[in-house]
Structure formats: C-alpha cells, structure tokens
PDB file of N, CA and C in Angstrom:
ATOM      1  N   UNK A   1     110.056 127.166 119.779  1.00  0.00           N
ATOM      2  CA  UNK A   1     109.882 127.579 121.741  1.00  0.00           C
ATOM      3  C   UNK A   1     111.542 129.111 121.576  1.00  0.00           C
ATOM      4  N   UNK A   2     110.520 129.943 122.581  1.00  0.00           N
ATOM      5  CA  UNK A   2     111.017 131.462 123.695  1.00  0.00           C
ATOM      6  C   UNK A   2     111.687 130.926 124.472  1.00  0.00           C
ATOM      7  N   UNK A   3     113.253 131.600 124.282  1.00  0.00           N
ATOM      8  CA  UNK A   3     113.411 131.398 126.260  1.00  0.00           C
ATOM      9  C   UNK A   3     113.913 132.824 126.115  1.00  0.00           C
ATOM     10  N   UNK A   4     113.359 133.931 126.640  1.00  0.00           N
ATOM     11  CA  UNK A   4     112.416 134.870 127.152  1.00  0.00           C
ATOM     12  C   UNK A   4     113.474 136.169 127.645  1.00  0.00           C
ATOM     13  N   UNK A   5     114.832 135.114 127.938  1.00  0.00           N
ATOM     14  CA  UNK A   5     115.699 135.920 128.960  1.00  0.00           C
ATOM     15  C   UNK A   5     116.259 135.859 127.482  1.00  0.00           C
ATOM     16  N   UNK A   6     117.019 134.930 126.614  1.00  0.00           N
ATOM     17  CA  UNK A   6     117.891 136.115 125.433  1.00  0.00           C
ATOM     18  C   UNK A   6     117.180 136.000 123.846  1.00  0.00           C
ATOM     19  N   UNK A   7     116.033 135.653 124.021  1.00  0.00           N
ATOM     20  CA  UNK A   7     115.079 135.942 123.218  1.00  0.00           C
ATOM     21  C   UNK A   7     115.178 135.451 121.298  1.00  0.00           C
ATOM     22  N   UNK A   8     115.897 133.559 122.035  1.00  0.00           N
ATOM     23  CA  UNK A   8     116.058 132.809 121.179  1.00  0.00           C
ATOM     24  C   UNK A   8     114.940 132.288 121.430  1.00  0.00           C
ATOM     25  N   UNK A   9     115.188 131.380 119.598  1.00  0.00           N
ATOM     26  CA  UNK A   9     114.232 130.304 118.835  1.00  0.00           C
ATOM     27  C   UNK A   9     114.468 129.904 118.969  1.00  0.00           C
ATOM     28  N   UNK A  10     113.767 128.550 119.520  1.00  0.00           N
ATOM     29  CA  UNK A  10     114.500 126.303 119.139  1.00  0.00           C
ATOM     30  C   UNK A  10     113.607 126.333 118.297  1.00  0.00           C
ATOM     31  N   UNK A  11     114.090 125.230 117.367  1.00  0.00           N
ATOM     32  CA  UNK A  11     113.064 125.017 116.235  1.00  0.00           C
ATOM     33  C   UNK A  11     113.552 123.240 117.328  1.00  0.00           C
ATOM     34  N   UNK A  12     112.922 122.686 116.837  1.00  0.00           N
ATOM     35  CA  UNK A  12     111.602 120.745 117.230  1.00  0.00           C
ATOM     36  C   UNK A  12     113.487 120.341 116.593  1.00  0.00           C
ATOM     37  N   UNK A  13     113.950 120.697 115.301  1.00  0.00           N
ATOM     38  CA  UNK A  13     115.219 119.758 115.284  1.00  0.00           C
ATOM     39  C   UNK A  13     116.498 120.247 117.055  1.00  0.00           C
ATOM     40  N   UNK A  14     115.666 121.458 116.926  1.00  0.00           N
ATOM     41  CA  UNK A  14     116.757 121.801 117.823  1.00  0.00           C
ATOM     42  C   UNK A  14     117.145 121.615 118.981  1.00  0.00           C
ATOM     43  N   UNK A  15     115.718 121.156 119.597  1.00  0.00           N
ATOM     44  CA  UNK A  15     115.011 120.090 120.597  1.00  0.00           C
ATOM     45  C   UNK A  15     114.732 119.175 121.009  1.00  0.00           C
ATOM     46  N   UNK A  16     115.446 118.557 120.002  1.00  0.00           N
ATOM     47  CA  UNK A  16     115.625 117.008 119.718  1.00  0.00           C
ATOM     48  C   UNK A  16     117.127 116.703 119.687  1.00  0.00           C
ATOM     49  N   UNK A  17     117.804 117.119 119.312  1.00  0.00           N
ATOM     50  CA  UNK A  17     119.656 117.543 119.293  1.00  0.00           C
ATOM     51  C   UNK A  17     119.391 117.998 121.120  1.00  0.00           C
ATOM     52  N   UNK A  18     119.659 118.964 120.970  1.00  0.00           N
ATOM     53  CA  UNK A  18     118.975 118.949 123.072  1.00  0.00           C
ATOM     54  C   UNK A  18     119.139 117.565 124.715  1.00  0.00           C
ATOM     55  N   UNK A  19     118.229 117.316 123.727  1.00  0.00           N
ATOM     56  CA  UNK A  19     116.925 116.160 124.014  1.00  0.00           C
ATOM     57  C   UNK A  19     117.947 115.165 124.490  1.00  0.00           C
ATOM     58  N   UNK A  20     118.569 114.136 122.887  1.00  0.00           N
ATOM     59  CA  UNK A  20     119.808 113.528 122.823  1.00  0.00           C
ATOM     60  C   UNK A  20     121.150 114.040 123.782  1.00  0.00           C
ATOM     61  N   UNK A  21     121.567 114.987 123.396  1.00  0.00           N
ATOM     62  CA  UNK A  21     122.738 115.279 124.646  1.00  0.00           C
ATOM     63  C   UNK A  21     122.034 115.760 125.829  1.00  0.00           C
ATOM     64  N   UNK A  22     121.314 115.494 126.563  1.00  0.00           N
ATOM     65  CA  UNK A  22     120.845 115.547 127.495  1.00  0.00           C
ATOM     66  C   UNK A  22     120.796 114.270 128.518  1.00  0.00           C
ATOM     67  N   UNK A  23     120.215 113.530 126.987  1.00  0.00           N
ATOM     68  CA  UNK A  23     119.718 112.141 127.145  1.00  0.00           C
ATOM     69  C   UNK A  23     120.894 110.699 128.095  1.00  0.00           C
ATOM     70  N   UNK A  24     121.559 110.594 126.646  1.00  0.00           N
ATOM     71  CA  UNK A  24     123.659 110.905 126.690  1.00  0.00           C
ATOM     72  C   UNK A  24     124.187 110.935 127.258  1.00  0.00           C
ATOM     73  N   UNK A  25     124.572 112.415 128.430  1.00  0.00           N
ATOM     74  CA  UNK A  25     124.915 112.133 129.741  1.00  0.00           C
ATOM     75  C   UNK A  25     124.675 111.824 130.206  1.00  0.00           C
ATOM     76  N   UNK A  26     123.096 111.265 131.160  1.00  0.00           N
ATOM     77  CA  UNK A  26     122.597 110.475 132.229  1.00  0.00           C
ATOM     78  C   UNK A  26     123.013 109.363 131.122  1.00  0.00           C
ATOM     79  N   UNK A  27     123.050 108.313 130.417  1.00  0.00           N
ATOM     80  CA  UNK A  27     123.228 107.617 130.701  1.00  0.00           C
ATOM     81  C   UNK A  27     125.401 107.327 130.576  1.00  0.00           C
ATOM     82  N   UNK A  28     125.545 108.089 130.031  1.00  0.00           N
ATOM     83  CA  UNK A  28     126.817 107.876 130.333  1.00  0.00           C
ATOM     84  C   UNK A  28     127.583 108.492 131.911  1.00  0.00           C
ATOM     85  N   UNK A  29     126.591 109.332 133.029  1.00  0.00           N
ATOM     86  CA  UNK A  29     126.593 109.274 134.240  1.00  0.00           C
ATOM     87  C   UNK A  29     126.232 107.962 134.949  1.00  0.00           C
ATOM     88  N   UNK A  30     124.883 107.015 134.410  1.00  0.00           N
ATOM     89  CA  UNK A  30     124.395 106.017 134.851  1.00  0.00           C
ATOM     90  C   UNK A  30     125.604 105.186 134.764  1.00  0.00           C
ATOM     91  N   UNK A  31     126.175 105.200 133.937  1.00  0.00           N
ATOM     92  CA  UNK A  31     126.992 104.164 133.194  1.00  0.00           C
ATOM     93  C   UNK A  31     128.644 104.326 133.957  1.00  0.00           C
ATOM     94  N   UNK A  32     128.070 105.193 134.097  1.00  0.00           N
ATOM     95  CA  UNK A  32     129.771 106.102 134.995  1.00  0.00           C
ATOM     96  C   UNK A  32     128.773 105.210 137.028  1.00  0.00           C
ATOM     97  N   UNK A  33     128.335 105.842 137.220  1.00  0.00           N
ATOM     98  CA  UNK A  33     127.489 105.571 138.767  1.00  0.00           C
ATOM     99  C   UNK A  33     127.935 103.553 138.493  1.00  0.00           C
ATOM    100  N   UNK A  34     127.254 102.872 137.630  1.00  0.00           N
ATOM    101  CA  UNK A  34     127.530 101.278 137.650  1.00  0.00           C
ATOM    102  C   UNK A  34     129.087 100.739 137.940  1.00  0.00           C
ATOM    103  N   UNK A  35     129.955 101.727 136.902  1.00  0.00           N
ATOM    104  CA  UNK A  35     130.584 101.201 137.746  1.00  0.00           C
ATOM    105  C   UNK A  35     131.707 102.090 138.694  1.00  0.00           C
ATOM    106  N   UNK A  36     131.669 102.557 139.548  1.00  0.00           N
ATOM    107  CA  UNK A  36     131.950 102.679 140.512  1.00  0.00           C
ATOM    108  C   UNK A  36     131.489 101.802 142.039  1.00  0.00           C
ATOM    109  N   UNK A  37     130.150 101.816 141.814  1.00  0.00           N
ATOM    110  CA  UNK A  37     129.487 100.373 142.615  1.00  0.00           C
ATOM    111  C   UNK A  37     131.033  99.464 142.557  1.00  0.00           C
ATOM    112  N   UNK A  38     130.699  98.840 141.034  1.00  0.00           N
ATOM    113  CA  UNK A  38     130.821  97.692 141.022  1.00  0.00           C
ATOM    114  C   UNK A  38     133.016  97.616 141.090  1.00  0.00           C
ATOM    115  N   UNK A  39     132.845  98.330 141.187  1.00  0.00           N
ATOM    116  CA  UNK A  39     135.038  99.087 141.153  1.00  0.00           C
ATOM    117  C   UNK A  39     134.525  99.219 143.252  1.00  0.00           C
ATOM    118  N   UNK A  40     133.591 100.027 143.973  1.00  0.00           N
ATOM    119  CA  UNK A  40     133.407 100.016 145.399  1.00  0.00           C
ATOM    120  C   UNK A  40     133.440  98.094 145.788  1.00  0.00           C
ATOM    121  N   UNK A  41     132.645  97.903 145.098  1.00  0.00           N
ATOM    122  CA  UNK A  41     131.904  96.998 145.853  1.00  0.00           C
ATOM    123  C   UNK A  41     132.752  94.805 145.388  1.00  0.00           C
ATOM    124  N   UNK A  42     133.449  95.562 144.941  1.00  0.00           N
ATOM    125  CA  UNK A  42     135.034  94.434 144.609  1.00  0.00           C
ATOM    126  C   UNK A  42     135.843  94.431 145.265  1.00  0.00           C
ATOM    127  N   UNK A  43     136.439  93.698 145.524  1.00  0.00           N
ATOM    128  CA  UNK A  43     137.667  92.719 146.194  1.00  0.00           C
ATOM    129  C   UNK A  43     138.711  94.577 146.753  1.00  0.00           C
ATOM    130  N   UNK A  44     138.602  93.896 145.849  1.00  0.00           N
ATOM    131  CA  UNK A  44     140.146  95.937 146.117  1.00  0.00           C
ATOM    132  C   UNK A  44     139.306  97.124 146.218  1.00  0.00           C
ATOM    133  N   UNK A  45     138.077  97.261 145.550  1.00  0.00           N
ATOM    134  CA  UNK A  45     138.329  98.535 146.168  1.00  0.00           C
ATOM    135  C   UNK A  45     137.477  98.488 147.924  1.00  0.00           C
ATOM    136  N   UNK A  46     136.691  96.445 148.488  1.00  0.00           N
ATOM    137  CA  UNK A  46     136.452  97.013 149.442  1.00  0.00           C
ATOM    138  C   UNK A  46     137.615  96.480 150.286  1.00  0.00           C
ATOM    139  N   UNK A  47     138.502  96.568 150.245  1.00  0.00           N
ATOM    140  CA  UNK A  47     140.329  96.462 150.918  1.00  0.00           C
ATOM    141  C   UNK A  47     141.121  97.816 151.115  1.00  0.00           C
ATOM    142  N   UNK A  48     140.375  98.735 149.972  1.00  0.00           N
ATOM    143  CA  UNK A  48     140.767 100.374 149.898  1.00  0.00           C
ATOM    144  C   UNK A  48     139.644 101.134 151.620  1.00  0.00           C
ATOM    145  N   UNK A  49     138.043 100.434 151.525  1.00  0.00           N
ATOM    146  CA  UNK A  49     137.905 101.140 152.334  1.00  0.00           C
ATOM    147  C   UNK A  49     138.201 100.661 153.395  1.00  0.00           C
ATOM    148  N   UNK A  50     138.541  99.629 153.474  1.00  0.00           N
ATOM    149  CA  UNK A  50     139.147  99.208 154.554  1.00  0.00           C
ATOM    150  C   UNK A  50     140.771 100.549 155.207  1.00  0.00           C
ATOM    151  N   UNK A  51     141.673 100.477 154.423  1.00  0.00           N
ATOM    152  CA  UNK A  51     143.054 100.749 154.514  1.00  0.00           C
ATOM    153  C   UNK A  51     142.772 101.630 154.833  1.00  0.00           C
ATOM    154  N   UNK A  52     141.631 102.450 154.725  1.00  0.00           N
ATOM    155  CA  UNK A  52     140.943 104.219 154.547  1.00  0.00           C
ATOM    156  C   UNK A  52     141.170 104.308 155.439  1.00  0.00           C
ATOM    157  N   UNK A  53     140.681 103.122 156.812  1.00  0.00           N
ATOM    158  CA  UNK A  53     140.401 103.641 157.540  1.00  0.00           C
ATOM    159  C   UNK A  53     141.048 103.801 158.857  1.00  0.00           C
ATOM    160  N   UNK A  54     142.162 103.965 158.681  1.00  0.00           N
ATOM    161  CA  UNK A  54     143.658 103.969 159.896  1.00  0.00           C
ATOM    162  C   UNK A  54     144.180 104.093 160.478  1.00  0.00           C
ATOM    163  N   UNK A  55     143.407 102.704 160.796  1.00  0.00           N
ATOM    164  CA  UNK A  55     143.175 101.449 162.185  1.00  0.00           C
ATOM    165  C   UNK A  55     144.490 102.501 163.393  1.00  0.00           C
ATOM    166  N   UNK A  56     144.461 102.331 164.464  1.00  0.00           N
ATOM    167  CA  UNK A  56     145.726 102.633 164.533  1.00  0.00           C
ATOM    168  C   UNK A  56     146.522 101.077 165.158  1.00  0.00           C
ATOM    169  N   UNK A  57     147.456 100.990 165.180  1.00  0.00           N
ATOM    170  CA  UNK A  57     148.054  99.670 165.660  1.00  0.00           C
ATOM    171  C   UNK A  57     147.485  99.016 167.392  1.00  0.00           C
ATOM    172  N   UNK A  58     146.854 101.042 168.544  1.00  0.00           N
ATOM    173  CA  UNK A  58     146.431  99.819 169.652  1.00  0.00           C
ATOM    174  C   UNK A  58     145.264  99.016 168.874  1.00  0.00           C
ATOM    175  N   UNK A  59     143.961  99.086 168.252  1.00  0.00           N
ATOM    176  CA  UNK A  59     143.250  99.341 167.962  1.00  0.00           C
ATOM    177  C   UNK A  59     143.234  98.255 167.497  1.00  0.00           C
ATOM    178  N   UNK A  60     144.020  97.657 165.600  1.00  0.00           N
ATOM    179  CA  UNK A  60     144.306  96.293 165.552  1.00  0.00           C
ATOM    180  C   UNK A  60     144.592  95.907 166.537  1.00  0.00           C
ATOM    181  N   UNK A  61     145.089  95.989 167.220  1.00  0.00           N
ATOM    182  CA  UNK A  61     146.384  95.199 168.505  1.00  0.00           C
ATOM    183  C   UNK A  61     144.619  94.150 168.920  1.00  0.00           C
ATOM    184  N   UNK A  62     143.540  95.166 170.000  1.00  0.00           N
ATOM    185  CA  UNK A  62     142.588  94.681 170.647  1.00  0.00           C
ATOM    186  C   UNK A  62     141.963  94.514 169.527  1.00  0.00           C
ATOM    187  N   UNK A  63     141.525  94.492 168.514  1.00  0.00           N
ATOM    188  CA  UNK A  63     140.327  93.237 167.482  1.00  0.00           C
ATOM    189  C   UNK A  63     141.687  92.562 166.881  1.00  0.00           C
ATOM    190  N   UNK A  64     142.591  92.161 166.787  1.00  0.00           N
ATOM    191  CA  UNK A  64     143.243  90.886 166.622  1.00  0.00           C
ATOM    192  C   UNK A  64     143.443  90.198 168.390  1.00  0.00           C
ATOM    193  N   UNK A  65     142.968  90.121 169.322  1.00  0.00           N
ATOM    194  CA  UNK A  65     143.200  90.181 171.113  1.00  0.00           C
ATOM    195  C   UNK A  65     141.613  89.284 171.237  1.00  0.00           C
ATOM    196  N   UNK A  66     140.546  90.462 170.326  1.00  0.00           N
ATOM    197  CA  UNK A  66     139.557  89.963 170.040  1.00  0.00           C
ATOM    198  C   UNK A  66     139.278  88.710 169.826  1.00  0.00           C
ATOM    199  N   UNK A  67     139.811  88.297 168.422  1.00  0.00           N
ATOM    200  CA  UNK A  67     139.424  87.041 167.410  1.00  0.00           C
ATOM    201  C   UNK A  67     140.498  85.592 167.747  1.00  0.00           C
ATOM    202  N   UNK A  68     141.433  86.035 168.598  1.00  0.00           N
ATOM    203  CA  UNK A  68     142.624  85.516 168.810  1.00  0.00           C
ATOM    204  C   UNK A  68     141.463  84.628 170.534  1.00  0.00           C
ATOM    205  N   UNK A  69     141.842  85.310 171.194  1.00  0.00           N
ATOM    206  CA  UNK A  69     140.164  84.786 171.896  1.00  0.00           C
ATOM    207  C   UNK A  69     139.244  84.043 171.706  1.00  0.00           C
ATOM    208  N   UNK A  70     138.834  84.689 170.971  1.00  0.00           N
ATOM    209  CA  UNK A  70     137.378  83.682 170.777  1.00  0.00           C
ATOM    210  C   UNK A  70     137.636  82.327 170.173  1.00  0.00           C
ATOM    211  N   UNK A  71     138.719  82.576 169.544  1.00  0.00           N
ATOM    212  CA  UNK A  71     139.253  81.251 169.099  1.00  0.00           C
ATOM    213  C   UNK A  71     139.335  80.023 169.706  1.00  0.00           C
ATOM    214  N   UNK A  72     140.536  80.579 171.110  1.00  0.00           N
ATOM    215  CA  UNK A  72     141.344  79.977 172.748  1.00  0.00           C
ATOM    216  C   UNK A  72     139.553  78.836 172.708  1.00  0.00           C
ATOM    217  N   UNK A  73     138.482  80.239 172.755  1.00  0.00           N
ATOM    218  CA  UNK A  73     137.522  79.347 173.285  1.00  0.00           C
ATOM    219  C   UNK A  73     136.765  79.016 172.440  1.00  0.00           C
ATOM    220  N   UNK A  74     137.062  79.455 171.722  1.00  0.00           N
ATOM    221  CA  UNK A  74     136.089  77.858 171.108  1.00  0.00           C
ATOM    222  C   UNK A  74     137.641  76.693 170.499  1.00  0.00           C
ATOM    223  N   UNK A  75     138.631  76.638 170.522  1.00  0.00           N
ATOM    224  CA  UNK A  75     139.185  75.390 170.737  1.00  0.00           C
ATOM    225  C   UNK A  75     139.062  74.491 172.109  1.00  0.00           C
ATOM    226  N   UNK A  76     139.036  75.413 172.752  1.00  0.00           N
ATOM    227  CA  UNK A  76     140.267  74.653 174.596  1.00  0.00           C
ATOM    228  C   UNK A  76     137.886  74.399 174.644  1.00  0.00           C
ATOM    229  N   UNK A  77     136.804  74.487 174.413  1.00  0.00           N
ATOM    230  CA  UNK A  77     135.590  74.090 173.728  1.00  0.00           C
ATOM    231  C   UNK A  77     135.437  72.531 173.218  1.00  0.00           C
ATOM    232  N   UNK A  78     136.018  72.612 172.008  1.00  0.00           N
ATOM    233  CA  UNK A  78     136.597  71.540 170.729  1.00  0.00           C
ATOM    234  C   UNK A  78     137.460  70.510 171.604  1.00  0.00           C
ATOM    235  N   UNK A  79     138.459  71.235 172.886  1.00  0.00           N
ATOM    236  CA  UNK A  79     139.210  69.988 173.182  1.00  0.00           C
ATOM    237  C   UNK A  79     141.054  69.593 172.166  1.00  0.00           C
ATOM    238  N   UNK A  80     140.698  70.890 171.443  1.00  0.00           N
ATOM    239  CA  UNK A  80     142.011  70.995 170.548  1.00  0.00           C
ATOM    240  C   UNK A  80     142.902  72.087 171.765  1.00  0.00           C
ATOM    241  N   UNK A  81     143.527  71.125 172.140  1.00  0.00           N
ATOM    242  CA  UNK A  81     144.626  71.849 173.416  1.00  0.00           C
ATOM    243  C   UNK A  81     146.027  72.321 172.434  1.00  0.00           C
ATOM    244  N   UNK A  82     146.200  71.965 171.306  1.00  0.00           N
ATOM    245  CA  UNK A  82     147.341  71.829 170.967  1.00  0.00           C
ATOM    246  C   UNK A  82     147.696  73.234 169.339  1.00  0.00           C
ATOM    247  N   UNK A  83     146.003  72.897 169.409  1.00  0.00           N
ATOM    248  CA  UNK A  83     145.378  75.518 169.110  1.00  0.00           C
ATOM    249  C   UNK A  83     145.676  76.513 169.912  1.00  0.00           C
ATOM    250  N   UNK A  84     144.952  75.441 170.966  1.00  0.00           N
ATOM    251  CA  UNK A  84     144.935  76.926 171.689  1.00  0.00           C
ATOM    252  C   UNK A  84     146.698  77.028 172.689  1.00  0.00           C
ATOM    253  N   UNK A  85     147.344  76.364 172.644  1.00  0.00           N
ATOM    254  CA  UNK A  85     148.541  76.851 172.988  1.00  0.00           C
ATOM    255  C   UNK A  85     149.759  77.873 171.597  1.00  0.00           C
ATOM    256  N   UNK A  86     149.515  77.240 170.536  1.00  0.00           N
ATOM    257  CA  UNK A  86     149.845  77.945 169.638  1.00  0.00           C
ATOM    258  C   UNK A  86     149.434  79.802 169.453  1.00  0.00           C
ATOM    259  N   UNK A  87     147.664  79.150 170.228  1.00  0.00           N
ATOM    260  CA  UNK A  87     146.637  80.567 170.229  1.00  0.00           C
ATOM    261  C   UNK A  87     147.144  81.885 170.880  1.00  0.00           C
ATOM    262  N   UNK A  88     147.997  80.961 172.656  1.00  0.00           N
ATOM    263  CA  UNK A  88     148.075  81.528 173.626  1.00  0.00           C
ATOM    264  C   UNK A  88     149.651  82.365 173.117  1.00  0.00           C
ATOM    265  N   UNK A  89     150.235  81.651 172.709  1.00  0.00           N
ATOM    266  CA  UNK A  89     151.635  82.383 171.931  1.00  0.00           C
ATOM    267  C   UNK A  89     151.183  83.920 171.274  1.00  0.00           C
ATOM    268  N   UNK A  90     150.950  83.810 170.405  1.00  0.00           N
ATOM    269  CA  UNK A  90     149.759  84.522 168.864  1.00  0.00           C
ATOM    270  C   UNK A  90     149.302  86.115 170.162  1.00  0.00           C
ATOM    271  N   UNK A  91     148.801  85.484 171.502  1.00  0.00           N
ATOM    272  CA  UNK A  91     148.341  86.412 172.883  1.00  0.00           C
ATOM    273  C   UNK A  91     148.947  86.725 173.672  1.00  0.00           C
ATOM    274  N   UNK A  92     150.180  86.716 173.727  1.00  0.00           N
ATOM    275  CA  UNK A  92     150.933  87.339 174.812  1.00  0.00           C
ATOM    276  C   UNK A  92     152.028  87.974 173.581  1.00  0.00           C
ATOM    277  N   UNK A  93     152.312  87.671 172.470  1.00  0.00           N
ATOM    278  CA  UNK A  93     152.584  88.728 171.091  1.00  0.00           C
ATOM    279  C   UNK A  93     151.737  90.369 171.473  1.00  0.00           C
ATOM    280  N   UNK A  94     150.667  89.918 171.252  1.00  0.00           N
ATOM    281  CA  UNK A  94     149.561  90.931 171.197  1.00  0.00           C
ATOM    282  C   UNK A  94     149.168  91.599 171.859  1.00  0.00           C
ATOM    283  N   UNK A  95     149.375  90.760 173.804  1.00  0.00           N
ATOM    284  CA  UNK A  95     149.061  91.721 174.247  1.00  0.00           C
ATOM    285  C   UNK A  95     150.634  92.136 174.964  1.00  0.00           C
ATOM    286  N   UNK A  96     151.801  91.989 175.173  1.00  0.00           N
ATOM    287  CA  UNK A  96     152.918  93.027 174.357  1.00  0.00           C
ATOM    288  C   UNK A  96     152.875  94.509 173.631  1.00  0.00           C
ATOM    289  N   UNK A  97     152.238  94.584 172.480  1.00  0.00           N
ATOM    290  CA  UNK A  97     151.786  95.513 171.544  1.00  0.00           C
ATOM    291  C   UNK A  97     150.833  96.390 172.998  1.00  0.00           C
ATOM    292  N   UNK A  98     149.915  95.901 173.033  1.00  0.00           N
ATOM    293  CA  UNK A  98     149.117  96.869 173.834  1.00  0.00           C
ATOM    294  C   UNK A  98     149.881  97.505 175.158  1.00  0.00           C
ATOM    295  N   UNK A  99     150.824  96.192 176.058  1.00  0.00           N
ATOM    296  CA  UNK A  99     151.582  96.735 176.568  1.00  0.00           C
ATOM    297  C   UNK A  99     151.347  98.297 176.874  1.00  0.00           C
ATOM    298  N   UNK A 100     152.308  98.672 175.445  1.00  0.00           N
ATOM    299  CA  UNK A 100     152.892  99.905 175.290  1.00  0.00           C
ATOM    300  C   UNK A 100     152.265 101.251 175.122  1.00  0.00           C
ATOM    301  N   UNK A 101     150.457 100.921 175.296  1.00  0.00           N
ATOM    302  CA  UNK A 101     149.538 101.888 174.897  1.00  0.00           C
ATOM    303  C   UNK A 101     148.375 101.523 176.487  1.00  0.00           C
ATOM    304  N   UNK A 102     149.212 100.766 177.862  1.00  0.00           N
ATOM    305  CA  UNK A 102     148.249 100.515 178.721  1.00  0.00           C
ATOM    306  C   UNK A 102     149.551 102.471 179.628  1.00  0.00           C
ATOM    307  N   UNK A 103     147.619 102.828 179.997  1.00  0.00           N
ATOM    308  CA  UNK A 103     148.498 103.948 180.457  1.00  0.00           C
ATOM    309  C   UNK A 103     147.762 103.392 182.354  1.00  0.00           C
ATOM    310  N   UNK A 104     148.219 102.649 183.041  1.00  0.00           N
ATOM    311  CA  UNK A 104     148.531 102.472 184.319  1.00  0.00           C
ATOM    312  C   UNK A 104     150.608 102.544 185.023  1.00  0.00           C
TER     313      UNK A 104
END
C-alpha cells in the first residue's frame, strides 16, 4: 500500500500490526466505557450526580415539604394520627426554612 502524501510503502505485516493496534485501542476504549457506565450506575455514582445538582436550600426544603405533605395525607387516610403529629412537627421546621425565602 502506498500513501500518496509521504510515498511510504506498507507491507502486509505493517498493516496487520496497525490493525492490531487499532483494535486493541478500540477494545480498551470499550472497556473504559463499560467501566464508566458501571461507576455511573453504582450507588456512589448516582449520589455524585445528585449532589452535582447543587440544589439550593430553598428547593431542597420545597422537595422535603412535598414529601412530608404526601406522607401526612397517606397517614391521615390510614388514621395513623401519631405519625401525623410527628410529620406536622417536621413540616413546621421546613416551613421555617421556607419563611426565609418568602418574598412577601
């Protein structure tokens, strides 16, 4: 094979070596991709993705409030009022956090 730019001649042996190196690099990249996928899908990877969101205190409190209200409604329907009292106290704490961000 001749490269028109450099006039280099490659033997069949050279082509085989080159092909082997290319395949080896591709296999290495595939292995690395699988490793990154494994790390990303692990518990630690998921935690890192979540923390990378840099959720503000206000948004985190809003999410907590939504969860607590949902639980409060479920326990109210189940007539588990002791749990409702505990949830109400937590809701009050979260509301104090949100009061800091209240624009009125």
